[in-house]
Amino acid sequence: MAEKLKITLVKSPISAVPKHRRTVEALGLTKMHKTVELPDNKATRGMIQQVGYMLKVEEI
């Protein structure tokens, strides 16, 4: 596993399920094409698994 993950929002959460919208906000992604670096742990991986269809994830 990598130390950090680079996560980018590539699909708008407007039409998504409300729970998925809150998960995207919890990841720190507020706008389209915004990128955040988060630690690679089980909590982050779980959130990515839930809303992965809206994200682009890279290991760094």
C-alpha atoms as a PDB file:
ATOM      1  CA  MET A   1       0.000   0.000   0.000  1.00  0.00           C
ATOM      2  CA  ALA A   2       1.089   3.525  -0.728  1.00  0.00           C
ATOM      3  CA  GLU A   3       1.515   6.081   2.023  1.00  0.00           C
ATOM      4  CA  LYS A   4      -0.885   8.596   0.494  1.00  0.00           C
ATOM      5  CA  LEU A   5      -3.612   8.658  -2.115  1.00  0.00           C
ATOM      6  CA  LYS A   6      -4.234  11.439  -4.601  1.00  0.00           C
ATOM      7  CA  ILE A   7      -8.018  11.645  -5.113  1.00  0.00           C
ATOM      8  CA  THR A   8      -9.702  13.768  -7.805  1.00  0.00           C
ATOM      9  CA  LEU A   9     -13.431  14.372  -8.262  1.00  0.00           C
ATOM     10  CA  VAL A  10     -14.262  13.695 -11.940  1.00  0.00           C
ATOM     11  CA  LYS A  11     -18.066  13.282 -11.866  1.00  0.00           C
ATOM     12  CA  SER A  12     -20.534  15.706 -10.347  1.00  0.00           C
ATOM     13  CA  PRO A  13     -22.288  14.476  -7.182  1.00  0.00           C
ATOM     14  CA  ILE A  14     -25.405  16.572  -7.933  1.00  0.00           C
ATOM     15  CA  SER A  15     -27.530  13.636  -9.098  1.00  0.00           C
ATOM     16  CA  ALA A  16     -25.959  11.147  -6.674  1.00  0.00           C
ATOM     17  CA  VAL A  17     -27.577   9.553  -3.641  1.00  0.00           C
ATOM     18  CA  PRO A  18     -27.496  11.989  -0.661  1.00  0.00           C
ATOM     19  CA  LYS A  19     -25.275   9.603   1.332  1.00  0.00           C
ATOM     20  CA  HIS A  20     -22.747   9.600  -1.515  1.00  0.00           C
ATOM     21  CA  ARG A  21     -22.800  13.407  -1.679  1.00  0.00           C
ATOM     22  CA  ARG A  22     -21.949  13.560   2.030  1.00  0.00           C
ATOM     23  CA  THR A  23     -19.151  11.020   1.543  1.00  0.00           C
ATOM     24  CA  VAL A  24     -17.619  13.152  -1.233  1.00  0.00           C
ATOM     25  CA  GLU A  25     -17.754  16.197   1.072  1.00  0.00           C
ATOM     26  CA  ALA A  26     -16.159  14.170   3.885  1.00  0.00           C
ATOM     27  CA  LEU A  27     -13.261  13.392   1.559  1.00  0.00           C
ATOM     28  CA  GLY A  28     -12.741  17.154   1.198  1.00  0.00           C
ATOM     29  CA  LEU A  29     -13.888  17.344  -2.412  1.00  0.00           C
ATOM     30  CA  THR A  30     -16.107  20.379  -2.902  1.00  0.00           C
ATOM     31  CA  LYS A  31     -15.725  21.163  -6.616  1.00  0.00           C
ATOM     32  CA  MET A  32     -15.210  19.275  -9.840  1.00  0.00           C
ATOM     33  CA  HIS A  33     -11.573  18.402 -10.663  1.00  0.00           C
ATOM     34  CA  LYS A  34     -10.415  19.298  -7.145  1.00  0.00           C
ATOM     35  CA  THR A  35      -7.618  17.040  -5.894  1.00  0.00           C
ATOM     36  CA  VAL A  36      -6.812  16.116  -2.306  1.00  0.00           C
ATOM     37  CA  GLU A  37      -4.089  13.968  -0.776  1.00  0.00           C
ATOM     38  CA  LEU A  38      -5.291  11.680   1.994  1.00  0.00           C
ATOM     39  CA  PRO A  39      -3.562   8.951   4.013  1.00  0.00           C
ATOM     40  CA  ASP A  40      -3.947   5.423   2.690  1.00  0.00           C
ATOM     41  CA  ASN A  41      -5.911   3.717   5.463  1.00  0.00           C
ATOM     42  CA  LYS A  42      -9.009   1.553   5.789  1.00  0.00           C
ATOM     43  CA  ALA A  43     -11.364   4.480   6.427  1.00  0.00           C
ATOM     44  CA  THR A  44     -10.249   6.314   3.295  1.00  0.00           C
ATOM     45  CA  ARG A  45     -10.370   3.124   1.208  1.00  0.00           C
ATOM     46  CA  GLY A  46     -13.926   2.452   2.417  1.00  0.00           C
ATOM     47  CA  MET A  47     -15.095   5.904   1.358  1.00  0.00           C
ATOM     48  CA  ILE A  48     -13.395   5.485  -2.027  1.00  0.00           C
ATOM     49  CA  GLN A  49     -15.087   2.122  -2.496  1.00  0.00           C
ATOM     50  CA  GLN A  50     -18.507   3.702  -1.844  1.00  0.00           C
ATOM     51  CA  VAL A  51     -18.160   6.598  -4.313  1.00  0.00           C
ATOM     52  CA  GLY A  52     -15.409   5.288  -6.591  1.00  0.00           C
ATOM     53  CA  TYR A  53     -17.521   5.841  -9.694  1.00  0.00           C
ATOM     54  CA  MET A  54     -17.086   9.609  -9.179  1.00  0.00           C
ATOM     55  CA  LEU A  55     -13.361   9.594  -8.397  1.00  0.00           C
ATOM     56  CA  LYS A  56      -9.948   9.140  -9.957  1.00  0.00           C
ATOM     57  CA  VAL A  57      -7.469   7.662  -7.466  1.00  0.00           C
ATOM     58  CA  GLU A  58      -3.671   7.558  -7.747  1.00  0.00           C
ATOM     59  CA  GLU A  59      -1.164   6.118  -5.285  1.00  0.00           C
ATOM     60  CA  ILE A  60       1.797   8.342  -4.438  1.00  0.00           C
END
